[in-house]
Amino acid sequence: MSAERIYLNCPFEEKDACKALGGRWDGDARKWYITDDMDDAPFAQWMQDGVSEDSPEPRKATDNADAPSPSEGERIYLNCPFDEKEECKALGGRWDGDVKKWYVLQGVDIAPFAKWL
């Protein structure tokens, strides 16, 4: 009986940290994962909308600051190149691991993000 996989939304630049904690790489799915018999607490930052391999039910971390709440509103996606990601993050941009793009929430002043719109 094999353990069920829980896929993570781990950005490339954080892969070494994930691996150091025991995360595993699925080359076919091109995603990092843990198994359901592992402690998921160290991986909470990457568990936003993590879905197990065999279950249609999503598994979410409760303390993930990037997980959207129903009251957050619509996302405005940005065309931010990798080498400018730290600038975008410093301005308050957020990373969507599923879409692989930076975004801001509708209603936020988008003037600082104009070059990526």
PDB file of N, CA and C in Angstrom:
ATOM      1  N   MET A   1       0.852  -1.185   0.000  1.00  0.00           N
ATOM      2  CA  MET A   1       0.000   0.000   0.000  1.00  0.00           C
ATOM      3  C   MET A   1       0.893   1.241   0.000  1.00  0.00           C
ATOM      4  N   SER A   2       0.758   2.053  -1.022  1.00  0.00           N
ATOM      5  CA  SER A   2       1.601   3.250  -1.122  1.00  0.00           C
ATOM      6  C   SER A   2       0.905   4.432  -0.463  1.00  0.00           C
ATOM      7  N   ALA A   3       1.729   5.352   0.009  1.00  0.00           N
ATOM      8  CA  ALA A   3       1.199   6.551   0.659  1.00  0.00           C
ATOM      9  C   ALA A   3       0.629   7.489  -0.399  1.00  0.00           C
ATOM     10  N   GLU A   4      -0.399   8.228  -0.021  1.00  0.00           N
ATOM     11  CA  GLU A   4      -1.042   9.188  -0.912  1.00  0.00           C
ATOM     12  C   GLU A   4      -0.169  10.438  -1.041  1.00  0.00           C
ATOM     13  N   ARG A   5      -0.081  10.985  -2.241  1.00  0.00           N
ATOM     14  CA  ARG A   5       0.721  12.186  -2.478  1.00  0.00           C
ATOM     15  C   ARG A   5      -0.094  13.448  -2.242  1.00  0.00           C
ATOM     16  N   ILE A   6       0.565  14.422  -1.644  1.00  0.00           N
ATOM     17  CA  ILE A   6      -0.018  15.743  -1.449  1.00  0.00           C
ATOM     18  C   ILE A   6       0.901  16.710  -2.177  1.00  0.00           C
ATOM     19  N   TYR A   7       0.416  17.273  -3.275  1.00  0.00           N
ATOM     20  CA  TYR A   7       1.238  18.152  -4.096  1.00  0.00           C
ATOM     21  C   TYR A   7       1.367  19.537  -3.465  1.00  0.00           C
ATOM     22  N   LEU A   8       2.519  20.130  -3.648  1.00  0.00           N
ATOM     23  CA  LEU A   8       2.850  21.424  -3.065  1.00  0.00           C
ATOM     24  C   LEU A   8       2.979  22.481  -4.153  1.00  0.00           C
ATOM     25  N   ASN A   9       2.755  23.719  -3.796  1.00  0.00           N
ATOM     26  CA  ASN A   9       2.959  24.847  -4.701  1.00  0.00           C
ATOM     27  C   ASN A   9       4.265  25.524  -4.306  1.00  0.00           C
ATOM     28  N   CYS A  10       5.347  24.864  -4.622  1.00  0.00           N
ATOM     29  CA  CYS A  10       6.675  25.326  -4.239  1.00  0.00           C
ATOM     30  C   CYS A  10       7.346  25.978  -5.441  1.00  0.00           C
ATOM     31  N   PRO A  11       7.630  27.289  -5.369  1.00  0.00           N
ATOM     32  CA  PRO A  11       8.316  27.949  -6.479  1.00  0.00           C
ATOM     33  C   PRO A  11       9.738  27.416  -6.646  1.00  0.00           C
ATOM     34  N   PHE A  12      10.253  27.521  -7.840  1.00  0.00           N
ATOM     35  CA  PHE A  12      11.577  27.008  -8.170  1.00  0.00           C
ATOM     36  C   PHE A  12      12.643  27.504  -7.204  1.00  0.00           C
ATOM     37  N   GLU A  13      12.592  28.785  -6.868  1.00  0.00           N
ATOM     38  CA  GLU A  13      13.628  29.371  -6.018  1.00  0.00           C
ATOM     39  C   GLU A  13      13.578  28.845  -4.578  1.00  0.00           C
ATOM     40  N   GLU A  14      12.541  28.104  -4.206  1.00  0.00           N
ATOM     41  CA  GLU A  14      12.433  27.541  -2.859  1.00  0.00           C
ATOM     42  C   GLU A  14      12.577  26.020  -2.854  1.00  0.00           C
ATOM     43  N   LYS A  15      12.937  25.442  -4.002  1.00  0.00           N
ATOM     44  CA  LYS A  15      13.009  23.988  -4.126  1.00  0.00           C
ATOM     45  C   LYS A  15      14.020  23.353  -3.180  1.00  0.00           C
ATOM     46  N   ASP A  16      15.155  24.015  -2.951  1.00  0.00           N
ATOM     47  CA  ASP A  16      16.169  23.447  -2.080  1.00  0.00           C
ATOM     48  C   ASP A  16      15.678  23.357  -0.635  1.00  0.00           C
ATOM     49  N   ALA A  17      14.923  24.358  -0.210  1.00  0.00           N
ATOM     50  CA  ALA A  17      14.357  24.339   1.147  1.00  0.00           C
ATOM     51  C   ALA A  17      13.341  23.204   1.274  1.00  0.00           C
ATOM     52  N   CYS A  18      12.518  23.043   0.258  1.00  0.00           N
ATOM     53  CA  CYS A  18      11.519  21.976   0.256  1.00  0.00           C
ATOM     54  C   CYS A  18      12.200  20.606   0.293  1.00  0.00           C
ATOM     55  N   LYS A  19      13.205  20.447  -0.513  1.00  0.00           N
ATOM     56  CA  LYS A  19      13.937  19.185  -0.566  1.00  0.00           C
ATOM     57  C   LYS A  19      14.617  18.891   0.770  1.00  0.00           C
ATOM     58  N   ALA A  20      15.195  19.920   1.383  1.00  0.00           N
ATOM     59  CA  ALA A  20      15.882  19.747   2.661  1.00  0.00           C
ATOM     60  C   ALA A  20      14.924  19.277   3.760  1.00  0.00           C
ATOM     61  N   LEU A  21      13.655  19.655   3.644  1.00  0.00           N
ATOM     62  CA  LEU A  21      12.654  19.244   4.624  1.00  0.00           C
ATOM     63  C   LEU A  21      12.110  17.842   4.351  1.00  0.00           C
ATOM     64  N   GLY A  22      12.478  17.271   3.213  1.00  0.00           N
ATOM     65  CA  GLY A  22      12.007  15.935   2.874  1.00  0.00           C
ATOM     66  C   GLY A  22      11.004  15.886   1.743  1.00  0.00           C
ATOM     67  N   GLY A  23      10.735  17.039   1.125  1.00  0.00           N
ATOM     68  CA  GLY A  23       9.830  17.073  -0.021  1.00  0.00           C
ATOM     69  C   GLY A  23      10.404  16.249  -1.169  1.00  0.00           C
ATOM     70  N   ARG A  24       9.542  15.743  -1.990  1.00  0.00           N
ATOM     71  CA  ARG A  24       9.960  14.899  -3.122  1.00  0.00           C
ATOM     72  C   ARG A  24       9.467  15.506  -4.420  1.00  0.00           C
ATOM     73  N   TRP A  25      10.181  15.243  -5.511  1.00  0.00           N
ATOM     74  CA  TRP A  25       9.854  15.786  -6.824  1.00  0.00           C
ATOM     75  C   TRP A  25       9.174  14.731  -7.678  1.00  0.00           C
ATOM     76  N   ASP A  26       8.053  15.096  -8.287  1.00  0.00           N
ATOM     77  CA  ASP A  26       7.356  14.244  -9.246  1.00  0.00           C
ATOM     78  C   ASP A  26       7.633  14.828 -10.621  1.00  0.00           C
ATOM     79  N   GLY A  27       8.528  14.180 -11.362  1.00  0.00           N
ATOM     80  CA  GLY A  27       8.935  14.670 -12.668  1.00  0.00           C
ATOM     81  C   GLY A  27       7.815  14.665 -13.689  1.00  0.00           C
ATOM     82  N   ASP A  28       6.896  13.719 -13.581  1.00  0.00           N
ATOM     83  CA  ASP A  28       5.774  13.672 -14.524  1.00  0.00           C
ATOM     84  C   ASP A  28       4.800  14.830 -14.277  1.00  0.00           C
ATOM     85  N   ALA A  29       4.468  15.063 -13.012  1.00  0.00           N
ATOM     86  CA  ALA A  29       3.546  16.152 -12.671  1.00  0.00           C
ATOM     87  C   ALA A  29       4.270  17.494 -12.609  1.00  0.00           C
ATOM     88  N   ARG A  30       5.602  17.446 -12.541  1.00  0.00           N
ATOM     89  CA  ARG A  30       6.446  18.633 -12.424  1.00  0.00           C
ATOM     90  C   ARG A  30       6.070  19.465 -11.198  1.00  0.00           C
ATOM     91  N   LYS A  31       5.889  18.754 -10.084  1.00  0.00           N
ATOM     92  CA  LYS A  31       5.535  19.392  -8.816  1.00  0.00           C
ATOM     93  C   LYS A  31       6.236  18.677  -7.673  1.00  0.00           C
ATOM     94  N   TRP A  32       6.482  19.428  -6.606  1.00  0.00           N
ATOM     95  CA  TRP A  32       6.982  18.864  -5.359  1.00  0.00           C
ATOM     96  C   TRP A  32       5.793  18.293  -4.611  1.00  0.00           C
ATOM     97  N   TYR A  33       6.039  17.265  -3.792  1.00  0.00           N
ATOM     98  CA  TYR A  33       4.974  16.659  -3.018  1.00  0.00           C
ATOM     99  C   TYR A  33       5.518  16.076  -1.720  1.00  0.00           C
ATOM    100  N   ILE A  34       4.603  15.805  -0.810  1.00  0.00           N
ATOM    101  CA  ILE A  34       4.882  15.018   0.379  1.00  0.00           C
ATOM    102  C   ILE A  34       3.865  13.892   0.382  1.00  0.00           C
ATOM    103  N   THR A  35       4.053  12.928   1.247  1.00  0.00           N
ATOM    104  CA  THR A  35       3.083  11.845   1.354  1.00  0.00           C
ATOM    105  C   THR A  35       2.244  12.065   2.607  1.00  0.00           C
ATOM    106  N   ASP A  36       1.067  11.464   2.616  1.00  0.00           N
ATOM    107  CA  ASP A  36       0.134  11.694   3.716  1.00  0.00           C
ATOM    108  C   ASP A  36       0.611  11.138   5.049  1.00  0.00           C
ATOM    109  N   ASP A  37       1.682  10.345   5.036  1.00  0.00           N
ATOM    110  CA  ASP A  37       2.224   9.843   6.291  1.00  0.00           C
ATOM    111  C   ASP A  37       3.342  10.738   6.842  1.00  0.00           C
ATOM    112  N   MET A  38       3.610  11.852   6.171  1.00  0.00           N
ATOM    113  CA  MET A  38       4.627  12.809   6.614  1.00  0.00           C
ATOM    114  C   MET A  38       3.963  13.940   7.389  1.00  0.00           C
ATOM    115  N   ASP A  39       4.725  14.565   8.299  1.00  0.00           N
ATOM    116  CA  ASP A  39       4.250  15.750   9.014  1.00  0.00           C
ATOM    117  C   ASP A  39       4.173  16.891   8.005  1.00  0.00           C
ATOM    118  N   ASP A  40       2.986  17.470   7.809  1.00  0.00           N
ATOM    119  CA  ASP A  40       2.844  18.523   6.800  1.00  0.00           C
ATOM    120  C   ASP A  40       3.144  19.926   7.334  1.00  0.00           C
ATOM    121  N   ALA A  41       3.319  20.085   8.642  1.00  0.00           N
ATOM    122  CA  ALA A  41       3.562  21.405   9.220  1.00  0.00           C
ATOM    123  C   ALA A  41       4.762  22.130   8.592  1.00  0.00           C
ATOM    124  N   PRO A  42       5.905  21.478   8.370  1.00  0.00           N
ATOM    125  CA  PRO A  42       7.034  22.195   7.771  1.00  0.00           C
ATOM    126  C   PRO A  42       6.779  22.651   6.329  1.00  0.00           C
ATOM    127  N   PHE A  43       5.740  22.119   5.701  1.00  0.00           N
ATOM    128  CA  PHE A  43       5.450  22.413   4.303  1.00  0.00           C
ATOM    129  C   PHE A  43       4.242  23.340   4.143  1.00  0.00           C
ATOM    130  N   ALA A  44       3.749  23.895   5.248  1.00  0.00           N
ATOM    131  CA  ALA A  44       2.514  24.696   5.226  1.00  0.00           C
ATOM    132  C   ALA A  44       2.573  25.838   4.223  1.00  0.00           C
ATOM    133  N   GLN A  45       3.731  26.475   4.075  1.00  0.00           N
ATOM    134  CA  GLN A  45       3.823  27.616   3.154  1.00  0.00           C
ATOM    135  C   GLN A  45       3.577  27.221   1.701  1.00  0.00           C
ATOM    136  N   TRP A  46       3.720  25.961   1.382  1.00  0.00           N
ATOM    137  CA  TRP A  46       3.552  25.499  -0.005  1.00  0.00           C
ATOM    138  C   TRP A  46       2.281  24.687  -0.202  1.00  0.00           C
ATOM    139  N   MET A  47       1.438  24.596   0.815  1.00  0.00           N
ATOM    140  CA  MET A  47       0.268  23.725   0.719  1.00  0.00           C
ATOM    141  C   MET A  47      -0.996  24.439   0.271  1.00  0.00           C
ATOM    142  N   GLN A  48      -0.913  25.647  -0.206  1.00  0.00           N
ATOM    143  CA  GLN A  48      -2.077  26.349  -0.732  1.00  0.00           C
ATOM    144  C   GLN A  48      -2.689  25.511  -1.834  1.00  0.00           C
ATOM    145  N   ASP A  49      -3.926  25.146  -1.650  1.00  0.00           N
ATOM    146  CA  ASP A  49      -4.658  24.339  -2.631  1.00  0.00           C
ATOM    147  C   ASP A  49      -3.947  23.042  -2.984  1.00  0.00           C
ATOM    148  N   GLY A  50      -3.145  22.499  -2.060  1.00  0.00           N
ATOM    149  CA  GLY A  50      -2.490  21.220  -2.320  1.00  0.00           C
ATOM    150  C   GLY A  50      -3.535  20.138  -2.448  1.00  0.00           C
ATOM    151  N   VAL A  51      -3.439  19.314  -3.452  1.00  0.00           N
ATOM    152  CA  VAL A  51      -4.423  18.275  -3.692  1.00  0.00           C
ATOM    153  C   VAL A  51      -3.720  16.937  -3.671  1.00  0.00           C
ATOM    154  N   SER A  52      -4.299  15.993  -2.978  1.00  0.00           N
ATOM    155  CA  SER A  52      -3.712  14.671  -2.933  1.00  0.00           C
ATOM    156  C   SER A  52      -3.952  13.957  -4.259  1.00  0.00           C
ATOM    157  N   GLU A  53      -3.129  12.970  -4.517  1.00  0.00           N
ATOM    158  CA  GLU A  53      -3.163  12.255  -5.787  1.00  0.00           C
ATOM    159  C   GLU A  53      -4.464  11.491  -5.994  1.00  0.00           C
ATOM    160  N   ASP A  54      -4.973  10.877  -4.951  1.00  0.00           N
ATOM    161  CA  ASP A  54      -6.116   9.989  -5.089  1.00  0.00           C
ATOM    162  C   ASP A  54      -7.440  10.593  -4.633  1.00  0.00           C
ATOM    163  N   SER A  55      -7.395  11.761  -4.061  1.00  0.00           N
ATOM    164  CA  SER A  55      -8.600  12.348  -3.491  1.00  0.00           C
ATOM    165  C   SER A  55      -8.970  13.638  -4.203  1.00  0.00           C
ATOM    166  N   PRO A  56     -10.246  13.829  -4.533  1.00  0.00           N
ATOM    167  CA  PRO A  56     -10.655  15.090  -5.159  1.00  0.00           C
ATOM    168  C   PRO A  56     -10.745  16.226  -4.158  1.00  0.00           C
ATOM    169  N   GLU A  57     -10.689  15.935  -2.870  1.00  0.00           N
ATOM    170  CA  GLU A  57     -10.792  16.962  -1.840  1.00  0.00           C
ATOM    171  C   GLU A  57      -9.479  17.710  -1.693  1.00  0.00           C
ATOM    172  N   PRO A  58      -9.474  19.038  -1.796  1.00  0.00           N
ATOM    173  CA  PRO A  58      -8.245  19.793  -1.604  1.00  0.00           C
ATOM    174  C   PRO A  58      -7.829  19.782  -0.141  1.00  0.00           C
ATOM    175  N   ARG A  59      -6.533  19.835   0.066  1.00  0.00           N
ATOM    176  CA  ARG A  59      -5.989  19.902   1.415  1.00  0.00           C
ATOM    177  C   ARG A  59      -5.267  21.220   1.534  1.00  0.00           C
ATOM    178  N   LYS A  60      -5.711  22.078   2.469  1.00  0.00           N
ATOM    179  CA  LYS A  60      -5.156  23.415   2.584  1.00  0.00           C
ATOM    180  C   LYS A  60      -4.469  23.599   3.930  1.00  0.00           C
ATOM    181  N   ALA A  61      -3.407  24.383   3.912  1.00  0.00           N
ATOM    182  CA  ALA A  61      -2.762  24.773   5.158  1.00  0.00           C
ATOM    183  C   ALA A  61      -3.555  25.920   5.757  1.00  0.00           C
ATOM    184  N   THR A  62      -3.651  25.953   7.065  1.00  0.00           N
ATOM    185  CA  THR A  62      -4.449  26.980   7.706  1.00  0.00           C
ATOM    186  C   THR A  62      -3.688  28.276   7.901  1.00  0.00           C
ATOM    187  N   ASP A  63      -2.362  28.224   7.873  1.00  0.00           N
ATOM    188  CA  ASP A  63      -1.591  29.427   8.138  1.00  0.00           C
ATOM    189  C   ASP A  63      -0.863  29.940   6.900  1.00  0.00           C
ATOM    190  N   ASN A  64      -1.360  29.669   5.718  1.00  0.00           N
ATOM    191  CA  ASN A  64      -0.716  30.135   4.502  1.00  0.00           C
ATOM    192  C   ASN A  64      -1.226  31.537   4.183  1.00  0.00           C
ATOM    193  N   ALA A  65      -0.366  32.525   4.308  1.00  0.00           N
ATOM    194  CA  ALA A  65      -0.751  33.916   4.096  1.00  0.00           C
ATOM    195  C   ALA A  65      -1.139  34.200   2.648  1.00  0.00           C
ATOM    196  N   ASP A  66      -0.639  33.420   1.699  1.00  0.00           N
ATOM    197  CA  ASP A  66      -0.941  33.668   0.294  1.00  0.00           C
ATOM    198  C   ASP A  66      -2.242  33.024  -0.159  1.00  0.00           C
ATOM    199  N   ALA A  67      -2.843  32.174   0.663  1.00  0.00           N
ATOM    200  CA  ALA A  67      -4.091  31.535   0.273  1.00  0.00           C
ATOM    201  C   ALA A  67      -5.190  32.594   0.225  1.00  0.00           C
ATOM    202  N   PRO A  68      -5.877  32.701  -0.903  1.00  0.00           N
ATOM    203  CA  PRO A  68      -6.896  33.733  -1.008  1.00  0.00           C
ATOM    204  C   PRO A  68      -8.103  33.426  -0.132  1.00  0.00           C
ATOM    205  N   SER A  69      -8.643  34.429   0.489  1.00  0.00           N
ATOM    206  CA  SER A  69      -9.869  34.260   1.251  1.00  0.00           C
ATOM    207  C   SER A  69     -11.023  34.710   0.356  1.00  0.00           C
ATOM    208  N   PRO A  70     -12.229  34.285   0.652  1.00  0.00           N
ATOM    209  CA  PRO A  70     -13.350  34.663  -0.197  1.00  0.00           C
ATOM    210  C   PRO A  70     -13.536  36.169  -0.302  1.00  0.00           C
ATOM    211  N   SER A  71     -13.096  36.934   0.690  1.00  0.00           N
ATOM    212  CA  SER A  71     -13.295  38.375   0.675  1.00  0.00           C
ATOM    213  C   SER A  71     -12.180  39.132  -0.042  1.00  0.00           C
ATOM    214  N   GLU A  72     -11.170  38.445  -0.534  1.00  0.00           N
ATOM    215  CA  GLU A  72     -10.037  39.125  -1.157  1.00  0.00           C
ATOM    216  C   GLU A  72     -10.384  39.819  -2.466  1.00  0.00           C
ATOM    217  N   GLY A  73     -11.259  39.281  -3.245  1.00  0.00           N
ATOM    218  CA  GLY A  73     -11.587  39.895  -4.519  1.00  0.00           C
ATOM    219  C   GLY A  73     -10.819  39.285  -5.675  1.00  0.00           C
ATOM    220  N   GLU A  74     -10.978  39.899  -6.831  1.00  0.00           N
ATOM    221  CA  GLU A  74     -10.368  39.405  -8.054  1.00  0.00           C
ATOM    222  C   GLU A  74      -8.868  39.694  -8.096  1.00  0.00           C
ATOM    223  N   ARG A  75      -8.157  38.840  -8.795  1.00  0.00           N
ATOM    224  CA  ARG A  75      -6.717  39.015  -8.955  1.00  0.00           C
ATOM    225  C   ARG A  75      -6.410  39.704 -10.277  1.00  0.00           C
ATOM    226  N   ILE A  76      -5.426  40.579 -10.253  1.00  0.00           N
ATOM    227  CA  ILE A  76      -4.913  41.213 -11.460  1.00  0.00           C
ATOM    228  C   ILE A  76      -3.522  40.636 -11.666  1.00  0.00           C
ATOM    229  N   TYR A  77      -3.368  39.822 -12.710  1.00  0.00           N
ATOM    230  CA  TYR A  77      -2.099  39.151 -12.949  1.00  0.00           C
ATOM    231  C   TYR A  77      -1.096  40.082 -13.621  1.00  0.00           C
ATOM    232  N   LEU A  78       0.153  39.898 -13.257  1.00  0.00           N
ATOM    233  CA  LEU A  78       1.240  40.750 -13.733  1.00  0.00           C
ATOM    234  C   LEU A  78       2.187  39.958 -14.621  1.00  0.00           C
ATOM    235  N   ASN A  79       2.818  40.630 -15.547  1.00  0.00           N
ATOM    236  CA  ASN A  79       3.834  40.022 -16.407  1.00  0.00           C
ATOM    237  C   ASN A  79       5.205  40.428 -15.868  1.00  0.00           C
ATOM    238  N   CYS A  80       5.510  39.902 -14.714  1.00  0.00           N
ATOM    239  CA  CYS A  80       6.748  40.245 -14.014  1.00  0.00           C
ATOM    240  C   CYS A  80       7.812  39.202 -14.321  1.00  0.00           C
ATOM    241  N   PRO A  81       8.929  39.611 -14.941  1.00  0.00           N
ATOM    242  CA  PRO A  81       9.993  38.650 -15.222  1.00  0.00           C
ATOM    243  C   PRO A  81      10.658  38.161 -13.929  1.00  0.00           C
ATOM    244  N   PHE A  82      11.250  36.984 -14.005  1.00  0.00           N
ATOM    245  CA  PHE A  82      11.874  36.359 -12.851  1.00  0.00           C
ATOM    246  C   PHE A  82      12.883  37.278 -12.168  1.00  0.00           C
ATOM    247  N   ASP A  83      13.689  37.978 -12.948  1.00  0.00           N
ATOM    248  CA  ASP A  83      14.741  38.810 -12.347  1.00  0.00           C
ATOM    249  C   ASP A  83      14.189  40.060 -11.652  1.00  0.00           C
ATOM    250  N   GLU A  84      12.881  40.326 -11.751  1.00  0.00           N
ATOM    251  CA  GLU A  84      12.270  41.460 -11.067  1.00  0.00           C
ATOM    252  C   GLU A  84      11.306  41.024  -9.968  1.00  0.00           C
ATOM    253  N   LYS A  85      11.299  39.729  -9.663  1.00  0.00           N
ATOM    254  CA  LYS A  85      10.348  39.187  -8.701  1.00  0.00           C
ATOM    255  C   LYS A  85      10.495  39.770  -7.301  1.00  0.00           C
ATOM    256  N   GLU A  86      11.725  40.031  -6.881  1.00  0.00           N
ATOM    257  CA  GLU A  86      11.934  40.576  -5.534  1.00  0.00           C
ATOM    258  C   GLU A  86      11.353  41.995  -5.422  1.00  0.00           C
ATOM    259  N   GLU A  87      11.471  42.768  -6.496  1.00  0.00           N
ATOM    260  CA  GLU A  87      10.889  44.109  -6.515  1.00  0.00           C
ATOM    261  C   GLU A  87       9.367  44.022  -6.417  1.00  0.00           C
ATOM    262  N   CYS A  88       8.793  43.119  -7.188  1.00  0.00           N
ATOM    263  CA  CYS A  88       7.339  42.933  -7.178  1.00  0.00           C
ATOM    264  C   CYS A  88       6.875  42.492  -5.786  1.00  0.00           C
ATOM    265  N   LYS A  89       7.582  41.570  -5.205  1.00  0.00           N
ATOM    266  CA  LYS A  89       7.243  41.069  -3.875  1.00  0.00           C
ATOM    267  C   LYS A  89       7.336  42.185  -2.830  1.00  0.00           C
ATOM    268  N   ALA A  90       8.383  43.003  -2.920  1.00  0.00           N
ATOM    269  CA  ALA A  90       8.572  44.113  -1.976  1.00  0.00           C
ATOM    270  C   ALA A  90       7.447  45.137  -2.069  1.00  0.00           C
ATOM    271  N   LEU A  91       6.866  45.270  -3.244  1.00  0.00           N
ATOM    272  CA  LEU A  91       5.759  46.208  -3.439  1.00  0.00           C
ATOM    273  C   LEU A  91       4.422  45.637  -2.969  1.00  0.00           C
ATOM    274  N   GLY A  92       4.406  44.360  -2.636  1.00  0.00           N
ATOM    275  CA  GLY A  92       3.173  43.734  -2.160  1.00  0.00           C
ATOM    276  C   GLY A  92       2.559  42.757  -3.136  1.00  0.00           C
ATOM    277  N   GLY A  93       3.263  42.479  -4.242  1.00  0.00           N
ATOM    278  CA  GLY A  93       2.774  41.486  -5.185  1.00  0.00           C
ATOM    279  C   GLY A  93       2.752  40.114  -4.537  1.00  0.00           C
ATOM    280  N   ARG A  94       1.861  39.274  -4.997  1.00  0.00           N
ATOM    281  CA  ARG A  94       1.735  37.908  -4.473  1.00  0.00           C
ATOM    282  C   ARG A  94       1.952  36.914  -5.598  1.00  0.00           C
ATOM    283  N   TRP A  95       2.410  35.721  -5.256  1.00  0.00           N
ATOM    284  CA  TRP A  95       2.690  34.671  -6.225  1.00  0.00           C
ATOM    285  C   TRP A  95       1.553  33.666  -6.247  1.00  0.00           C
ATOM    286  N   ASP A  96       1.073  33.339  -7.435  1.00  0.00           N
ATOM    287  CA  ASP A  96       0.071  32.302  -7.625  1.00  0.00           C
ATOM    288  C   ASP A  96       0.807  31.087  -8.183  1.00  0.00           C
ATOM    289  N   GLY A  97       1.017  30.084  -7.357  1.00  0.00           N
ATOM    290  CA  GLY A  97       1.768  28.899  -7.754  1.00  0.00           C
ATOM    291  C   GLY A  97       1.073  28.053  -8.803  1.00  0.00           C
ATOM    292  N   ASP A  98      -0.249  28.105  -8.859  1.00  0.00           N
ATOM    293  CA  ASP A  98      -0.977  27.331  -9.863  1.00  0.00           C
ATOM    294  C   ASP A  98      -0.839  27.947 -11.249  1.00  0.00           C
ATOM    295  N   VAL A  99      -0.950  29.264 -11.313  1.00  0.00           N
ATOM    296  CA  VAL A  99      -0.882  29.978 -12.585  1.00  0.00           C
ATOM    297  C   VAL A  99       0.566  30.325 -12.942  1.00  0.00           C
ATOM    298  N   LYS A 100       1.439  30.313 -11.934  1.00  0.00           N
ATOM    299  CA  LYS A 100       2.859  30.650 -12.106  1.00  0.00           C
ATOM    300  C   LYS A 100       3.030  32.106 -12.545  1.00  0.00           C
ATOM    301  N   LYS A 101       2.279  32.988 -11.867  1.00  0.00           N
ATOM    302  CA  LYS A 101       2.356  34.421 -12.152  1.00  0.00           C
ATOM    303  C   LYS A 101       2.202  35.203 -10.866  1.00  0.00           C
ATOM    304  N   TRP A 102       2.764  36.405 -10.871  1.00  0.00           N
ATOM    305  CA  TRP A 102       2.575  37.353  -9.783  1.00  0.00           C
ATOM    306  C   TRP A 102       1.244  38.065 -10.012  1.00  0.00           C
ATOM    307  N   TYR A 103       0.630  38.526  -8.913  1.00  0.00           N
ATOM    308  CA  TYR A 103      -0.637  39.227  -9.021  1.00  0.00           C
ATOM    309  C   TYR A 103      -0.788  40.235  -7.884  1.00  0.00           C
ATOM    310  N   VAL A 104      -1.743  41.146  -8.060  1.00  0.00           N
ATOM    311  CA  VAL A 104      -2.219  42.032  -7.002  1.00  0.00           C
ATOM    312  C   VAL A 104      -3.731  41.886  -6.971  1.00  0.00           C
ATOM    313  N   LEU A 105      -4.309  42.241  -5.855  1.00  0.00           N
ATOM    314  CA  LEU A 105      -5.759  42.144  -5.733  1.00  0.00           C
ATOM    315  C   LEU A 105      -6.428  43.392  -6.252  1.00  0.00           C
ATOM    316  N   GLN A 106      -7.577  43.195  -6.866  1.00  0.00           N
ATOM    317  CA  GLN A 106      -8.360  44.317  -7.369  1.00  0.00           C
ATOM    318  C   GLN A 106      -8.656  45.254  -6.205  1.00  0.00           C
ATOM    319  N   GLY A 107      -8.518  46.545  -6.429  1.00  0.00           N
ATOM    320  CA  GLY A 107      -8.730  47.531  -5.386  1.00  0.00           C
ATOM    321  C   GLY A 107      -7.426  48.057  -4.802  1.00  0.00           C
ATOM    322  N   VAL A 108      -6.327  47.357  -5.072  1.00  0.00           N
ATOM    323  CA  VAL A 108      -5.006  47.808  -4.617  1.00  0.00           C
ATOM    324  C   VAL A 108      -4.495  48.845  -5.611  1.00  0.00           C
ATOM    325  N   ASP A 109      -3.769  49.839  -5.135  1.00  0.00           N
ATOM    326  CA  ASP A 109      -3.175  50.833  -6.026  1.00  0.00           C
ATOM    327  C   ASP A 109      -2.205  50.115  -6.961  1.00  0.00           C
ATOM    328  N   ILE A 110      -2.515  50.095  -8.251  1.00  0.00           N
ATOM    329  CA  ILE A 110      -1.684  49.365  -9.199  1.00  0.00           C
ATOM    330  C   ILE A 110      -0.595  50.224  -9.844  1.00  0.00           C
ATOM    331  N   ALA A 111      -0.534  51.487  -9.491  1.00  0.00           N
ATOM    332  CA  ALA A 111       0.490  52.376 -10.073  1.00  0.00           C
ATOM    333  C   ALA A 111       1.907  51.814  -9.893  1.00  0.00           C
ATOM    334  N   PRO A 112       2.271  51.295  -8.717  1.00  0.00           N
ATOM    335  CA  PRO A 112       3.636  50.769  -8.565  1.00  0.00           C
ATOM    336  C   PRO A 112       3.906  49.529  -9.433  1.00  0.00           C
ATOM    337  N   PHE A 113       2.851  48.892  -9.917  1.00  0.00           N
ATOM    338  CA  PHE A 113       2.974  47.666 -10.719  1.00  0.00           C
ATOM    339  C   PHE A 113       2.773  47.926 -12.209  1.00  0.00           C
ATOM    340  N   ALA A 114       2.665  49.179 -12.605  1.00  0.00           N
ATOM    341  CA  ALA A 114       2.312  49.556 -13.978  1.00  0.00           C
ATOM    342  C   ALA A 114       3.213  48.921 -15.022  1.00  0.00           C
ATOM    343  N   LYS A 115       4.499  48.811 -14.760  1.00  0.00           N
ATOM    344  CA  LYS A 115       5.404  48.250 -15.774  1.00  0.00           C
ATOM    345  C   LYS A 115       5.166  46.769 -16.049  1.00  0.00           C
ATOM    346  N   TRP A 116       4.402  46.101 -15.183  1.00  0.00           N
ATOM    347  CA  TRP A 116       4.130  44.671 -15.386  1.00  0.00           C
ATOM    348  C   TRP A 116       2.706  44.404 -15.851  1.00  0.00           C
ATOM    349  N   LEU A 117       1.925  45.461 -16.044  1.00  0.00           N
ATOM    350  CA  LEU A 117       0.527  45.268 -16.487  1.00  0.00           C
ATOM    351  C   LEU A 117       0.445  45.025 -17.975  1.00  0.00           C
TER     352      LEU A 117
END
